[in-house]
Every structure is written in structure tokens, then in C-alpha cells.
Amino acid sequence: QVQLVESGGGLVQAGGSLRLSCVASGTIFSDNTMGWYRQAPGKQRELVAAITAGSTRNYADSVKGRFTISRDNAKNTVYLQMNSLKPEDTAVYYCNAFGRWGASWGQGTQVTVSS
């Protein structure tokens, strides 16, 4: 069973930075596409950034140039570096793992950006 545990969320002022981490277990991490999604109150969950097994990255237009996704296969960890945060980035951020075995979600971590 694949388990994902996120950390790094919190409260930050607009313009600040946070780094989210997601540690995976129960899977061959290096084979998976890893992604970060977010869900704000009253809105649908949306893709923020993803990184494939070959380290190809893609980003939502709203975060391009501000967020960076990376992975450390030796630590089974994916990161999301978030800079120049805006109040509209406030949401619960979820880690996702996708592979031939299926997909799994973390429990989410709250990010709140104050104006």
C-alpha cells in the first residue's frame, strides 16, 4: 500500500516562501509521476505541478515562475518550493503519486497566505 505524508504547510505573509515535502513509502518511488494539487474552499482540486520519472516538469499557469517542483529519489521525497506567495495560493495542498499500480493521495497540508 502506497502512503504519502506531506509536511511544510503553514501561515505566511504575501510575498513569502514555503517548501512542501512529501515522503512516499510502499512504492518504487523513482518509477512514479509525482504531483502537487491544491483545493481551496468551494473550489475543485487542481493540479499545481507535476514531475515525471524522467524529471519532466509541468506547472499550472498560475504558478509558473513562482513554484518549483523537484524530487529526490534517494529519499523517496518530492518537494514544492513556493516563492512570491499570494493570498490566492491559500488552499490545502495534496501530494499525488501515479504509476502503473494506480494512484494514491496524501492527507493534505494547509497553506494560508495572508495579505
Protein backbone atom coordinates (compact mmCIF):
# COMPACT_ATOMS: atom_id res chain seq x y z
CA GLN A 1 0.00 0.00 0.00
CA VAL A 2 1.38 3.36 -1.05
CA GLN A 3 1.49 6.00 1.64
CA LEU A 4 2.25 9.69 1.15
CA VAL A 5 2.95 12.05 4.03
CA GLU A 6 3.08 15.80 3.38
CA SER A 7 4.67 18.45 5.55
CA GLY A 8 5.75 22.07 5.36
CA GLY A 9 2.47 23.91 5.20
CA GLY A 10 1.67 26.90 7.38
CA LEU A 11 0.79 30.56 7.56
CA VAL A 12 2.88 33.04 5.61
CA GLN A 13 2.54 36.65 4.51
CA ALA A 14 2.07 37.56 0.89
CA GLY A 15 5.41 37.59 -0.88
CA GLY A 16 6.84 34.94 1.40
CA SER A 17 8.01 31.40 0.72
CA LEU A 18 7.26 27.88 1.87
CA ARG A 19 8.62 24.49 0.91
CA LEU A 20 6.34 21.49 0.97
CA SER A 21 7.70 17.96 1.25
CA CYS A 22 6.04 14.63 0.54
CA VAL A 23 7.62 11.35 1.58
CA ALA A 24 6.41 8.19 -0.15
CA SER A 25 6.53 4.60 1.05
CA GLY A 26 5.29 1.30 -0.31
CA THR A 27 6.24 2.02 -3.90
CA ILE A 28 9.20 2.16 -6.23
CA PHE A 29 9.31 5.93 -5.96
CA SER A 30 11.58 6.53 -8.94
CA ASP A 31 9.05 4.89 -11.31
CA ASN A 32 6.21 7.23 -10.40
CA THR A 33 4.97 10.55 -11.63
CA MET A 34 4.62 12.78 -8.59
CA GLY A 35 2.33 15.76 -8.38
CA TRP A 36 1.09 18.52 -6.13
CA TYR A 37 -2.56 19.51 -6.24
CA ARG A 38 -4.48 22.07 -4.24
CA GLN A 39 -8.06 22.67 -3.24
CA ALA A 40 -9.37 25.97 -1.98
CA PRO A 41 -12.71 26.22 -0.13
CA GLY A 42 -15.60 25.90 -2.55
CA LYS A 43 -13.34 25.08 -5.48
CA GLN A 44 -12.33 21.93 -7.32
CA ARG A 45 -8.99 20.29 -6.72
CA GLU A 46 -6.49 21.47 -9.32
CA LEU A 47 -3.07 20.41 -10.48
CA VAL A 48 -0.31 22.76 -9.33
CA ALA A 49 2.80 20.96 -10.59
CA ALA A 50 3.94 17.51 -11.62
CA ILE A 51 7.25 15.78 -12.27
CA THR A 52 7.63 12.55 -14.20
CA ALA A 53 10.02 9.67 -13.55
CA GLY A 54 12.30 11.28 -16.12
CA SER A 55 12.06 14.65 -14.33
CA THR A 56 9.92 16.37 -16.93
CA ARG A 57 8.03 19.11 -15.14
CA ASN A 58 4.79 20.89 -15.83
CA TYR A 59 3.08 23.69 -13.96
CA ALA A 60 -0.26 25.40 -13.75
CA ASP A 61 -0.12 28.78 -15.46
CA SER A 62 -0.97 30.49 -12.18
CA VAL A 63 2.24 29.30 -10.50
CA LYS A 64 4.76 29.35 -13.36
CA GLY A 65 7.86 31.29 -12.40
CA ARG A 66 6.98 31.18 -8.69
CA PHE A 67 6.81 27.47 -7.79
CA THR A 68 9.35 24.74 -8.44
CA ILE A 69 8.77 21.02 -8.13
CA SER A 70 11.68 18.66 -7.59
CA ARG A 71 12.30 15.12 -6.47
CA ASP A 72 14.98 13.22 -4.57
CA ASN A 73 14.65 9.55 -5.47
CA ALA A 74 17.21 8.55 -2.83
CA LYS A 75 14.92 9.99 -0.15
CA ASN A 76 11.60 8.99 -1.77
CA THR A 77 10.63 12.63 -1.49
CA VAL A 78 9.07 15.23 -3.74
CA TYR A 79 9.25 18.93 -2.94
CA LEU A 80 7.33 22.01 -3.89
CA GLN A 81 9.22 25.26 -3.40
CA MET A 82 6.74 28.11 -3.35
CA ASN A 83 8.01 31.67 -3.68
CA SER A 84 6.25 35.02 -4.04
CA LEU A 85 3.15 33.56 -2.45
CA LYS A 86 -0.18 35.27 -2.99
CA PRO A 87 -3.41 35.14 -0.98
CA GLU A 88 -4.99 33.22 -3.86
CA ASP A 89 -2.48 30.41 -3.23
CA THR A 90 -4.30 29.65 0.02
CA ALA A 91 -5.52 26.06 -0.12
CA VAL A 92 -4.99 22.56 1.13
CA TYR A 93 -2.10 21.08 -0.86
CA TYR A 94 -2.12 17.38 -1.65
CA CYS A 95 0.66 15.14 -2.83
CA ASN A 96 -0.17 12.57 -5.51
CA ALA A 97 1.71 9.54 -6.77
CA PHE A 98 0.79 7.95 -10.09
CA GLY A 99 2.21 4.78 -11.57
CA ARG A 100 1.33 1.52 -13.27
CA TRP A 101 -0.10 0.32 -9.94
CA GLY A 102 -2.61 3.15 -9.80
CA ALA A 103 -2.65 6.39 -7.84
CA SER A 104 -2.52 7.49 -4.24
CA TRP A 105 -3.08 10.73 -2.30
CA GLY A 106 -1.63 12.21 0.83
CA GLN A 107 -3.75 13.65 3.62
CA GLY A 108 -3.03 17.25 2.64
CA THR A 109 -1.29 20.19 4.26
CA GLN A 110 -2.81 23.63 4.74
CA VAL A 111 -1.14 26.67 3.20
CA THR A 112 -2.52 30.05 4.21
CA VAL A 113 -1.21 33.27 2.69
CA SER A 114 -2.23 36.48 4.43
CA SER A 115 -2.44 39.80 2.64
